[in-house]
Amino acid sequence: MDKITKAINIGKKLDKTSKKFSELNWVKYTAGYDFGIEKSYDKIINILKSKKNYEVINELLQKDLSPLDRRRVDLLKKGFEPYHLSEELNELDKRIQQVTMKLSGVNNKHRNKIDGEEISLVEIFRILREDDSKANRKKAFHALSQVNKPLVDNGFIELVNLRKEYAKLAGSNNFVEYKLKESELDFNTFNTWKDDVRSMADKLKKTRNEYAVKYLKTPKLEPWDNNYLNSKIAPLMNTEVDMTEYYKHIKDLYLKFGFDISKNNVTYDIFPRKNKSEWGYLFTIDPKVDIRVLANVQNRYNEFDVLLHETGHALHDFSLKGKNDLLNDGISNIIAEGFADFFSDYLF
């Protein structure tokens, strides 16, 4: 067997197991059913914890490999290595995943209320953008925080502490540093964020208040005024549109850049319904074969923002070379977000 083929086969096995995990998550996020997500995740972890697989990877790194093959195996080792450092880290990782899955379920099932009546996120954001009543906007803004207590009650603080503990045990000062190292980025990247914010805070506050006076006739901009102010500056954002033709409009925009998204198998689930997550996500079930977009829209122009963004992620995934190419595991999430943001910014 070719040296690199062993690594590719390990990657394929991991991809196959991850595909099932993604399918189960799609069902949970779109319909609210859990058909064994935790068990599916355990199967992924069993592959990563396999001593045999890890030995194969380490043996390959001792061989004479081409630069690209060495990068492939290096990336594979980066994914497997955390599960071969200590059993204590493995137990922490398992607990982190359990709490994370529980919290995602809480977040997906939660529905906000205003004056005792259930209201969708789509409607809340519409109030924040369009309602002339400051009192109504304030109610809508505070409704968004109703999910906080259920999240805390179900382990959010525990999750934060578990991540801190995991990062320190893995040799990092904090979880942010750990994640930056994991992404092969300089862990000093965000060291100056406090100074950066301080240097801009006064100027930002002054500018925001000037806009508040100009557009809202008030000297101070409150948090529940932000979206409403944006709508006053750019009223086109609230224009009513026919969302049944969403695909045509998205396709037309991407064609201007030479990308024909109709050549890719992207599934869209974009209209709100009971038991469906109210947020927006991309599910890469199988690269180059099956990618799905979850969103919640009704009939406003600004709602194309999430559709353009998630379609950008889908196009990026479809554009990656090699269905099982291990090199794809080295793509930074920051790069992926930049690609998606590039297209969603054309909303403006």
Protein backbone atom coordinates (compact mmCIF):
# COMPACT_ATOMS: atom_id res chain seq x y z
CA MET A 1 0.00 0.00 0.00
CA ASP A 2 1.27 3.50 -0.88
CA LYS A 3 2.58 5.36 2.19
CA ILE A 4 0.08 8.20 2.03
CA THR A 5 -2.83 5.87 1.21
CA LYS A 6 -2.82 4.66 4.83
CA ALA A 7 -3.36 8.21 6.02
CA ILE A 8 -6.05 8.85 3.40
CA ASN A 9 -7.92 5.69 4.47
CA ILE A 10 -7.90 6.85 8.09
CA GLY A 11 -9.22 10.22 6.91
CA LYS A 12 -11.96 8.53 4.85
CA LYS A 13 -13.08 6.48 7.84
CA LEU A 14 -13.26 9.63 9.93
CA ASP A 15 -15.16 11.46 7.16
CA LYS A 16 -17.73 8.67 6.91
CA THR A 17 -18.41 8.72 10.65
CA SER A 18 -18.54 12.53 10.70
CA LYS A 19 -21.06 12.48 7.85
CA LYS A 20 -23.52 10.50 9.96
CA PHE A 21 -22.98 12.89 12.88
CA SER A 22 -23.75 15.87 10.59
CA GLU A 23 -26.92 14.20 9.27
CA LEU A 24 -28.17 13.63 12.81
CA ASN A 25 -27.45 17.25 13.73
CA TRP A 26 -29.36 18.45 10.66
CA VAL A 27 -32.44 16.54 11.84
CA LYS A 28 -32.08 17.89 15.37
CA TYR A 29 -31.69 21.51 14.24
CA THR A 30 -34.45 21.42 11.59
CA ALA A 31 -37.02 19.19 13.30
CA GLY A 32 -36.00 18.90 16.95
CA TYR A 33 -35.47 15.13 16.94
CA ASP A 34 -32.39 13.45 18.42
CA PHE A 35 -31.79 10.04 16.87
CA GLY A 36 -28.52 9.30 18.64
CA ILE A 37 -26.21 12.31 18.28
CA GLU A 38 -24.14 11.51 21.38
CA LYS A 39 -23.57 7.89 20.31
CA SER A 40 -22.58 9.08 16.84
CA TYR A 41 -20.08 11.51 18.34
CA ASP A 42 -18.63 8.70 20.49
CA LYS A 43 -17.88 6.76 17.29
CA ILE A 44 -15.86 9.71 15.99
CA ILE A 45 -13.94 9.89 19.26
CA ASN A 46 -13.22 6.14 19.16
CA ILE A 47 -11.51 6.59 15.78
CA LEU A 48 -9.50 9.53 17.11
CA LYS A 49 -8.51 7.61 20.26
CA SER A 50 -7.42 4.50 18.32
CA LYS A 51 -3.79 3.73 19.23
CA LYS A 52 -3.42 1.79 15.98
CA ASN A 53 -4.45 4.80 13.89
CA TYR A 54 -2.15 7.08 15.86
CA GLU A 55 0.79 4.70 15.43
CA VAL A 56 0.23 4.63 11.66
CA ILE A 57 0.25 8.44 11.56
CA ASN A 58 3.44 8.71 13.63
CA GLU A 59 5.16 6.02 11.54
CA LEU A 60 4.29 7.92 8.37
CA LEU A 61 5.86 11.08 9.74
CA GLN A 62 9.16 9.20 10.00
CA LYS A 63 9.06 8.39 6.27
CA ASP A 64 10.38 10.41 3.35
CA LEU A 65 7.25 12.26 2.23
CA SER A 66 6.66 14.98 -0.31
CA PRO A 67 5.90 18.43 1.18
CA LEU A 68 2.18 18.08 0.40
CA ASP A 69 1.96 14.54 1.80
CA ARG A 70 3.81 15.63 4.93
CA ARG A 71 1.32 18.48 5.37
CA ARG A 72 -1.54 15.99 4.98
CA VAL A 73 -0.16 13.70 7.67
CA ASP A 74 0.74 16.63 9.93
CA LEU A 75 -2.88 17.80 9.79
CA LEU A 76 -4.10 14.30 10.53
CA LYS A 77 -1.81 14.11 13.55
CA LYS A 78 -3.03 17.50 14.74
CA GLY A 79 -6.56 16.10 14.88
CA PHE A 80 -5.58 12.86 16.62
CA GLU A 81 -2.91 14.10 19.03
CA PRO A 82 -5.18 15.72 21.67
CA TYR A 83 -6.74 12.28 22.30
CA HIS A 84 -3.38 10.68 23.06
CA LEU A 85 -2.01 13.12 25.64
CA SER A 86 -3.84 12.00 28.78
CA GLU A 87 -6.98 10.25 29.90
CA GLU A 88 -7.82 13.30 32.00
CA LEU A 89 -7.97 15.45 28.85
CA ASN A 90 -10.17 12.85 27.16
CA GLU A 91 -12.60 12.88 30.07
CA LEU A 92 -12.72 16.68 29.99
CA ASP A 93 -13.33 16.65 26.24
CA LYS A 94 -16.18 14.19 26.65
CA ARG A 95 -17.81 16.34 29.34
CA ILE A 96 -17.35 19.48 27.23
CA GLN A 97 -19.14 17.82 24.32
CA GLN A 98 -21.98 16.57 26.53
CA VAL A 99 -22.60 20.03 27.96
CA THR A 100 -22.25 21.65 24.51
CA MET A 101 -24.85 19.32 22.99
CA LYS A 102 -27.20 19.91 25.90
CA LEU A 103 -26.87 23.68 25.56
CA SER A 104 -27.44 23.56 21.80
CA GLY A 105 -30.67 21.68 22.48
CA VAL A 106 -31.75 24.31 25.01
CA ASN A 107 -30.94 27.12 22.58
CA ASN A 108 -32.75 25.47 19.66
CA LYS A 109 -35.90 24.71 21.64
CA HIS A 110 -36.11 28.06 23.42
CA ARG A 111 -38.81 30.45 22.28
CA ASN A 112 -38.98 34.05 23.49
CA LYS A 113 -42.09 35.72 24.85
CA ILE A 114 -43.36 39.29 24.95
CA ASP A 115 -46.18 40.03 27.39
CA GLY A 116 -46.65 36.30 27.89
CA GLU A 117 -47.11 35.57 24.18
CA GLU A 118 -44.60 33.44 22.26
CA ILE A 119 -42.82 35.34 19.50
CA SER A 120 -40.32 34.20 16.89
CA LEU A 121 -36.84 35.66 16.45
CA VAL A 122 -37.87 36.79 12.98
CA GLU A 123 -40.65 38.88 14.51
CA ILE A 124 -38.42 40.20 17.31
CA PHE A 125 -35.85 41.49 14.85
CA ARG A 126 -38.62 42.99 12.74
CA ILE A 127 -39.81 44.98 15.77
CA LEU A 128 -36.25 46.11 16.45
CA ARG A 129 -35.84 47.27 12.84
CA GLU A 130 -39.28 48.68 12.04
CA ASP A 131 -41.40 49.51 15.11
CA ASP A 132 -41.61 53.26 15.76
CA SER A 133 -42.39 52.65 19.44
CA LYS A 134 -39.27 52.81 21.62
CA ALA A 135 -41.17 50.91 24.34
CA ASN A 136 -41.95 48.04 21.95
CA ARG A 137 -38.33 47.93 20.76
CA LYS A 138 -37.12 47.86 24.36
CA LYS A 139 -39.41 44.90 25.15
CA ALA A 140 -38.19 43.07 22.05
CA PHE A 141 -34.55 43.72 22.93
CA HIS A 142 -34.93 42.37 26.46
CA ALA A 143 -36.85 39.34 25.15
CA LEU A 144 -33.63 38.26 23.44
CA SER A 145 -31.99 37.73 26.85
CA GLN A 146 -34.67 35.33 28.09
CA VAL A 147 -32.59 32.36 26.91
CA ASN A 148 -29.72 33.33 29.22
CA LYS A 149 -31.13 31.82 32.43
CA PRO A 150 -32.00 28.43 30.83
CA LEU A 151 -28.49 28.29 29.38
CA VAL A 152 -26.88 29.07 32.75
CA ASP A 153 -29.20 26.59 34.52
CA ASN A 154 -28.15 23.87 32.08
CA GLY A 155 -24.40 24.29 32.35
CA PHE A 156 -23.13 27.37 30.48
CA ILE A 157 -20.85 28.45 33.34
CA GLU A 158 -19.69 24.86 33.74
CA LEU A 159 -18.80 24.81 30.03
CA VAL A 160 -16.70 27.97 30.36
CA ASN A 161 -14.82 26.50 33.33
CA LEU A 162 -14.34 23.14 31.62
CA ARG A 163 -12.81 24.87 28.60
CA LYS A 164 -10.46 26.84 30.85
CA GLU A 165 -9.41 23.65 32.63
CA TYR A 166 -8.90 21.81 29.34
CA ALA A 167 -6.79 24.62 27.87
CA LYS A 168 -4.48 24.80 30.89
CA LEU A 169 -4.07 21.02 31.02
CA ALA A 170 -3.20 21.12 27.30
CA GLY A 171 -0.45 23.67 27.93
CA SER A 172 -2.17 26.99 27.15
CA ASN A 173 -2.86 29.95 29.41
CA ASN A 174 -6.53 30.13 28.42
CA PHE A 175 -9.06 28.73 25.96
CA VAL A 176 -8.62 31.55 23.43
CA GLU A 177 -4.88 30.89 23.28
CA TYR A 178 -5.56 27.16 22.92
CA LYS A 179 -7.97 27.67 19.99
CA LEU A 180 -5.57 30.06 18.23
CA LYS A 181 -2.75 27.53 18.51
CA GLU A 182 -5.11 24.84 17.24
CA SER A 183 -5.80 27.03 14.19
CA GLU A 184 -2.04 27.56 13.68
CA LEU A 185 -2.35 31.25 14.48
CA ASP A 186 -0.18 33.45 16.69
CA PHE A 187 -1.68 33.26 20.17
CA ASN A 188 -0.71 36.91 20.71
CA THR A 189 -3.09 37.99 17.93
CA PHE A 190 -5.70 39.48 20.26
CA ASN A 191 -3.43 40.66 23.10
CA THR A 192 -4.12 44.33 22.35
CA TRP A 193 -7.90 44.12 22.05
CA LYS A 194 -8.60 46.09 25.24
CA ASP A 195 -6.36 48.98 24.15
CA ASP A 196 -7.83 48.82 20.64
CA VAL A 197 -11.36 49.14 22.03
CA ARG A 198 -10.41 51.96 24.39
CA SER A 199 -8.82 53.94 21.56
CA MET A 200 -12.05 53.80 19.53
CA ALA A 201 -14.74 53.81 22.25
CA ASP A 202 -15.13 57.58 22.68
CA LYS A 203 -15.10 58.25 18.95
CA LEU A 204 -17.62 55.48 18.33
CA LYS A 205 -19.93 56.71 21.09
CA LYS A 206 -19.76 60.29 19.79
CA THR A 207 -20.54 59.23 16.21
CA ARG A 208 -23.43 56.97 17.26
CA ASN A 209 -25.01 59.76 19.30
CA GLU A 210 -24.66 62.19 16.37
CA TYR A 211 -26.60 59.74 14.21
CA ALA A 212 -29.18 59.35 17.00
CA VAL A 213 -29.79 63.11 17.01
CA LYS A 214 -29.95 63.29 13.21
CA TYR A 215 -32.25 60.34 12.53
CA LEU A 216 -34.06 59.62 15.80
CA LYS A 217 -34.17 63.12 17.35
CA THR A 218 -32.72 61.79 20.62
CA PRO A 219 -29.34 62.67 22.21
CA LYS A 220 -28.49 59.11 23.21
CA LEU A 221 -28.62 55.83 21.32
CA GLU A 222 -29.95 52.95 23.41
CA PRO A 223 -29.17 49.28 22.62
CA TRP A 224 -32.74 48.73 21.34
CA ASP A 225 -32.29 51.63 18.90
CA ASN A 226 -29.40 50.17 16.86
CA ASN A 227 -31.37 48.19 14.28
CA TYR A 228 -34.02 50.88 14.04
CA LEU A 229 -31.34 53.50 13.34
CA ASN A 230 -29.87 51.32 10.59
CA SER A 231 -33.32 51.12 9.01
CA LYS A 232 -33.67 54.90 9.08
CA ILE A 233 -30.29 55.31 7.38
CA ALA A 234 -31.02 52.56 4.82
CA PRO A 235 -34.82 52.07 4.59
CA LEU A 236 -34.37 49.72 1.61
CA MET A 237 -33.36 47.05 4.13
CA ASN A 238 -36.99 46.74 5.26
CA THR A 239 -38.41 46.48 1.75
CA GLU A 240 -40.88 43.63 1.36
CA VAL A 241 -39.72 40.97 -1.10
CA ASP A 242 -41.04 37.68 -2.47
CA MET A 243 -38.85 35.10 -0.75
CA THR A 244 -40.26 32.26 -2.81
CA GLU A 245 -37.82 33.47 -5.47
CA TYR A 246 -34.82 33.58 -3.12
CA TYR A 247 -32.82 31.01 -5.09
CA LYS A 248 -33.01 32.97 -8.35
CA HIS A 249 -31.69 36.14 -6.72
CA ILE A 250 -28.85 34.35 -4.92
CA LYS A 251 -27.88 32.53 -8.10
CA ASP A 252 -27.89 35.76 -10.13
CA LEU A 253 -25.52 37.47 -7.69
CA TYR A 254 -23.06 34.58 -7.62
CA LEU A 255 -23.10 34.36 -11.42
CA LYS A 256 -21.72 37.91 -11.54
CA PHE A 257 -18.55 36.45 -9.98
CA GLY A 258 -18.45 33.43 -12.28
CA PHE A 259 -19.91 30.94 -9.79
CA ASP A 260 -22.92 28.86 -10.86
CA ILE A 261 -24.36 27.52 -7.59
CA SER A 262 -26.91 25.41 -9.52
CA LYS A 263 -24.05 23.04 -10.35
CA ASN A 264 -23.73 22.28 -6.64
CA ASN A 265 -26.10 20.24 -4.51
CA VAL A 266 -27.12 22.77 -1.87
CA THR A 267 -30.31 22.09 0.09
CA TYR A 268 -32.07 25.12 1.60
CA ASP A 269 -34.46 25.05 4.57
CA ILE A 270 -35.25 28.73 5.05
CA PHE A 271 -38.76 29.25 6.42
CA PRO A 272 -39.57 29.19 10.18
CA ARG A 273 -41.62 26.40 11.73
CA LYS A 274 -42.18 24.70 15.06
CA ASN A 275 -39.24 22.75 16.55
CA LYS A 276 -36.74 24.24 14.10
CA SER A 277 -33.72 26.22 15.31
CA GLU A 278 -34.35 29.94 14.84
CA TRP A 279 -30.76 30.73 13.83
CA GLY A 280 -28.73 30.25 10.63
CA TYR A 281 -26.21 27.46 9.99
CA LEU A 282 -24.38 25.53 7.29
CA PHE A 283 -24.25 21.73 7.46
CA THR A 284 -21.54 20.12 5.33
CA ILE A 285 -22.84 16.56 5.24
CA ASP A 286 -20.51 15.37 2.48
CA PRO A 287 -18.17 17.82 0.67
CA LYS A 288 -18.89 18.11 -3.06
CA VAL A 289 -22.01 15.94 -2.63
CA ASP A 290 -24.41 17.19 0.04
CA ILE A 291 -24.36 20.60 1.72
CA ARG A 292 -27.36 22.15 3.49
CA VAL A 293 -28.33 25.65 4.59
CA LEU A 294 -30.60 26.34 7.55
CA ALA A 295 -32.07 29.82 7.88
CA ASN A 296 -35.25 31.59 9.05
CA VAL A 297 -36.67 34.29 6.80
CA GLN A 298 -40.06 35.69 5.83
CA ASN A 299 -40.25 38.54 3.34
CA ARG A 300 -37.75 41.34 3.96
CA TYR A 301 -34.76 42.33 1.83
CA ASN A 302 -32.36 42.37 4.82
CA GLU A 303 -33.02 38.66 5.35
CA PHE A 304 -30.89 37.90 2.29
CA ASP A 305 -27.91 38.59 4.55
CA VAL A 306 -27.96 35.12 6.14
CA LEU A 307 -28.77 33.43 2.81
CA LEU A 308 -25.85 35.06 1.01
CA HIS A 309 -23.52 34.31 3.93
CA GLU A 310 -24.39 30.62 4.27
CA THR A 311 -24.35 30.16 0.49
CA GLY A 312 -20.83 31.59 0.57
CA HIS A 313 -19.84 28.85 3.01
CA ALA A 314 -21.52 26.25 0.79
CA LEU A 315 -19.73 27.47 -2.34
CA HIS A 316 -16.42 27.50 -0.46
CA ASP A 317 -16.89 23.89 0.65
CA PHE A 318 -17.85 22.78 -2.86
CA SER A 319 -14.84 24.60 -4.32
CA LEU A 320 -12.30 22.74 -2.19
CA LYS A 321 -10.20 20.37 -4.26
CA GLY A 322 -10.41 16.67 -3.53
CA LYS A 323 -13.41 15.11 -1.83
CA ASN A 324 -11.26 13.40 0.80
CA ASP A 325 -8.21 15.61 0.57
CA LEU A 326 -6.70 15.89 4.03
CA LEU A 327 -5.33 19.32 3.12
CA ASN A 328 -8.82 20.76 3.50
CA ASP A 329 -8.56 20.20 7.24
CA GLY A 330 -5.95 22.95 7.36
CA ILE A 331 -8.26 25.72 6.18
CA SER A 332 -8.65 28.41 8.83
CA ASN A 333 -12.17 29.18 10.05
CA ILE A 334 -11.23 32.85 9.74
CA ILE A 335 -10.59 32.34 6.01
CA ALA A 336 -13.91 30.51 5.65
CA GLU A 337 -15.79 33.32 7.40
CA GLY A 338 -14.08 35.93 5.24
CA PHE A 339 -15.20 34.13 2.10
CA ALA A 340 -18.81 34.03 3.31
CA ASP A 341 -18.78 37.64 4.54
CA PHE A 342 -17.49 38.82 1.17
CA PHE A 343 -20.80 37.77 -0.44
CA SER A 344 -23.16 38.75 2.39
CA ASP A 345 -21.70 42.27 2.35
CA TYR A 346 -23.13 42.72 -1.16
CA LEU A 347 -26.50 43.04 0.56
CA PHE A 348 -25.53 46.70 1.05
